[in-house]
Amino acid sequence: MSFKCEICGKGALVGNKVSHANNKSKKRWLPNLQSVRAIVDGSPKRIRTCMRCLKAGKVAKG
């Protein structure tokens, strides 16, 4: 299971962490995924969704 929201498709971002001395190392920014029980096609199913989708009401919890 990838680190991706099943509603909007939001995933991890990669880039450089830059120190004050301008040293660069790789960094990953991960979305705030939560595992929730949601109604999918009329039956409850456990999905991973981001908090933005949960707050916006895009997930029918049940």
N, C-alpha and C. Protein backbone atom coordinates (compact mmCIF):
# COMPACT_ATOMS: atom_id res chain seq x y z
N MET A 1 0.85 -1.17 0.00
CA MET A 1 0.00 0.00 0.00
C MET A 1 0.89 1.24 0.00
N SER A 2 0.73 2.08 -1.00
CA SER A 2 1.57 3.26 -1.09
C SER A 2 1.09 4.35 -0.13
N PHE A 3 1.96 5.30 0.13
CA PHE A 3 1.63 6.40 1.03
C PHE A 3 0.89 7.46 0.24
N LYS A 4 -0.40 7.18 -0.06
CA LYS A 4 -1.19 8.04 -0.92
C LYS A 4 -2.63 8.05 -0.44
N CYS A 5 -3.26 9.23 -0.51
CA CYS A 5 -4.67 9.36 -0.15
C CYS A 5 -5.52 8.67 -1.21
N GLU A 6 -6.47 7.85 -0.79
CA GLU A 6 -7.31 7.12 -1.74
C GLU A 6 -8.43 7.99 -2.31
N ILE A 7 -8.66 9.18 -1.75
CA ILE A 7 -9.70 10.07 -2.25
C ILE A 7 -9.14 11.04 -3.28
N CYS A 8 -8.13 11.83 -2.88
CA CYS A 8 -7.62 12.87 -3.77
C CYS A 8 -6.30 12.50 -4.44
N GLY A 9 -5.64 11.45 -3.99
CA GLY A 9 -4.38 11.03 -4.62
C GLY A 9 -3.15 11.77 -4.12
N LYS A 10 -3.30 12.53 -3.05
CA LYS A 10 -2.15 13.27 -2.50
C LYS A 10 -1.11 12.27 -1.99
N GLY A 11 0.16 12.49 -2.36
CA GLY A 11 1.22 11.57 -1.96
C GLY A 11 2.40 12.31 -1.37
N ALA A 12 3.50 11.59 -1.23
CA ALA A 12 4.71 12.15 -0.63
C ALA A 12 5.42 13.07 -1.63
N LEU A 13 6.04 14.11 -1.10
CA LEU A 13 6.85 15.02 -1.91
C LEU A 13 8.31 14.85 -1.49
N VAL A 14 9.23 15.02 -2.43
CA VAL A 14 10.64 14.90 -2.12
C VAL A 14 11.35 16.20 -2.49
N GLY A 15 12.41 16.48 -1.75
CA GLY A 15 13.19 17.68 -2.01
C GLY A 15 14.42 17.68 -1.15
N ASN A 16 15.04 18.83 -1.02
CA ASN A 16 16.25 18.96 -0.24
C ASN A 16 15.98 19.65 1.08
N LYS A 17 16.57 19.10 2.15
CA LYS A 17 16.61 19.79 3.44
C LYS A 17 17.89 20.62 3.41
N VAL A 18 17.78 21.93 3.58
CA VAL A 18 18.93 22.82 3.44
C VAL A 18 19.27 23.41 4.80
N SER A 19 20.50 23.21 5.25
CA SER A 19 20.94 23.73 6.54
C SER A 19 21.37 25.19 6.39
N HIS A 20 21.69 25.78 7.53
CA HIS A 20 22.15 27.17 7.52
C HIS A 20 23.47 27.31 6.76
N ALA A 21 24.29 26.24 6.78
CA ALA A 21 25.56 26.25 6.06
C ALA A 21 25.39 25.82 4.60
N ASN A 22 24.13 25.73 4.15
CA ASN A 22 23.76 25.37 2.77
C ASN A 22 24.15 23.94 2.41
N ASN A 23 24.23 23.06 3.42
CA ASN A 23 24.40 21.63 3.15
C ASN A 23 23.03 21.08 2.76
N LYS A 24 23.02 20.20 1.77
CA LYS A 24 21.75 19.66 1.27
C LYS A 24 21.69 18.16 1.46
N SER A 25 20.56 17.69 1.97
CA SER A 25 20.31 16.25 2.08
C SER A 25 18.86 16.01 1.71
N LYS A 26 18.57 14.83 1.21
CA LYS A 26 17.23 14.51 0.74
C LYS A 26 16.24 14.42 1.89
N LYS A 27 15.01 14.87 1.64
CA LYS A 27 13.95 14.85 2.64
C LYS A 27 12.63 14.50 1.96
N ARG A 28 11.76 13.80 2.70
CA ARG A 28 10.41 13.48 2.21
C ARG A 28 9.39 14.17 3.09
N TRP A 29 8.40 14.80 2.47
CA TRP A 29 7.27 15.37 3.18
C TRP A 29 6.08 14.45 2.96
N LEU A 30 5.52 13.94 4.05
CA LEU A 30 4.44 12.96 3.96
C LEU A 30 3.11 13.61 4.32
N PRO A 31 2.03 13.25 3.61
CA PRO A 31 0.71 13.78 3.97
C PRO A 31 0.22 13.15 5.26
N ASN A 32 -0.69 13.85 5.93
CA ASN A 32 -1.26 13.37 7.19
C ASN A 32 -2.37 12.36 6.87
N LEU A 33 -1.98 11.11 6.67
CA LEU A 33 -2.94 10.06 6.32
C LEU A 33 -3.51 9.41 7.57
N GLN A 34 -4.80 9.15 7.54
CA GLN A 34 -5.48 8.47 8.63
C GLN A 34 -6.23 7.28 8.05
N SER A 35 -6.26 6.20 8.80
CA SER A 35 -7.01 5.02 8.40
C SER A 35 -8.40 5.12 9.01
N VAL A 36 -9.44 5.22 8.17
CA VAL A 36 -10.81 5.41 8.66
C VAL A 36 -11.73 4.39 8.01
N ARG A 37 -12.83 4.10 8.71
CA ARG A 37 -13.88 3.26 8.13
C ARG A 37 -14.82 4.17 7.36
N ALA A 38 -14.95 3.92 6.08
CA ALA A 38 -15.80 4.75 5.24
C ALA A 38 -16.77 3.87 4.47
N ILE A 39 -17.87 4.47 4.05
CA ILE A 39 -18.85 3.76 3.23
C ILE A 39 -18.42 3.88 1.77
N VAL A 40 -18.03 2.75 1.18
CA VAL A 40 -17.60 2.71 -0.21
C VAL A 40 -18.50 1.72 -0.94
N ASP A 41 -19.23 2.20 -1.92
CA ASP A 41 -20.18 1.37 -2.69
C ASP A 41 -21.20 0.68 -1.80
N GLY A 42 -21.66 1.38 -0.77
CA GLY A 42 -22.71 0.86 0.09
C GLY A 42 -22.27 -0.04 1.22
N SER A 43 -20.98 -0.37 1.30
CA SER A 43 -20.51 -1.23 2.38
C SER A 43 -19.32 -0.57 3.07
N PRO A 44 -19.15 -0.80 4.38
CA PRO A 44 -18.03 -0.19 5.08
C PRO A 44 -16.70 -0.81 4.65
N LYS A 45 -15.71 0.04 4.48
CA LYS A 45 -14.39 -0.41 4.05
C LYS A 45 -13.36 0.48 4.72
N ARG A 46 -12.20 -0.06 5.05
CA ARG A 46 -11.14 0.72 5.68
C ARG A 46 -10.26 1.32 4.59
N ILE A 47 -10.17 2.65 4.57
CA ILE A 47 -9.36 3.34 3.56
C ILE A 47 -8.41 4.30 4.26
N ARG A 48 -7.34 4.67 3.54
CA ARG A 48 -6.39 5.67 4.04
C ARG A 48 -6.68 6.98 3.31
N THR A 49 -6.97 8.01 4.09
CA THR A 49 -7.29 9.30 3.50
C THR A 49 -6.58 10.41 4.27
N CYS A 50 -6.35 11.52 3.59
CA CYS A 50 -5.67 12.65 4.22
C CYS A 50 -6.66 13.45 5.06
N MET A 51 -6.13 14.24 5.97
CA MET A 51 -6.98 15.02 6.86
C MET A 51 -7.73 16.11 6.10
N ARG A 52 -7.20 16.60 5.01
CA ARG A 52 -7.90 17.63 4.23
C ARG A 52 -9.21 17.07 3.69
N CYS A 53 -9.20 15.83 3.19
CA CYS A 53 -10.43 15.21 2.68
C CYS A 53 -11.41 14.93 3.81
N LEU A 54 -10.90 14.51 4.98
CA LEU A 54 -11.78 14.25 6.12
C LEU A 54 -12.45 15.53 6.59
N LYS A 55 -11.69 16.63 6.71
CA LYS A 55 -12.25 17.89 7.18
C LYS A 55 -13.24 18.47 6.19
N ALA A 56 -12.98 18.26 4.88
CA ALA A 56 -13.85 18.82 3.85
C ALA A 56 -15.13 18.02 3.67
N GLY A 57 -15.24 16.85 4.31
CA GLY A 57 -16.44 16.05 4.21
C GLY A 57 -16.52 15.21 2.95
N LYS A 58 -15.39 14.95 2.32
CA LYS A 58 -15.38 14.13 1.11
C LYS A 58 -15.49 12.65 1.41
N VAL A 59 -15.37 12.28 2.70
CA VAL A 59 -15.41 10.87 3.11
C VAL A 59 -16.69 10.65 3.89
N ALA A 60 -17.50 9.67 3.46
CA ALA A 60 -18.71 9.29 4.18
C ALA A 60 -18.32 8.26 5.23
N LYS A 61 -18.11 8.72 6.47
CA LYS A 61 -17.69 7.79 7.52
C LYS A 61 -18.87 6.92 7.95
N GLY A 62 -18.53 5.69 8.35
CA GLY A 62 -19.59 4.80 8.78
C GLY A 62 -19.12 3.51 9.31
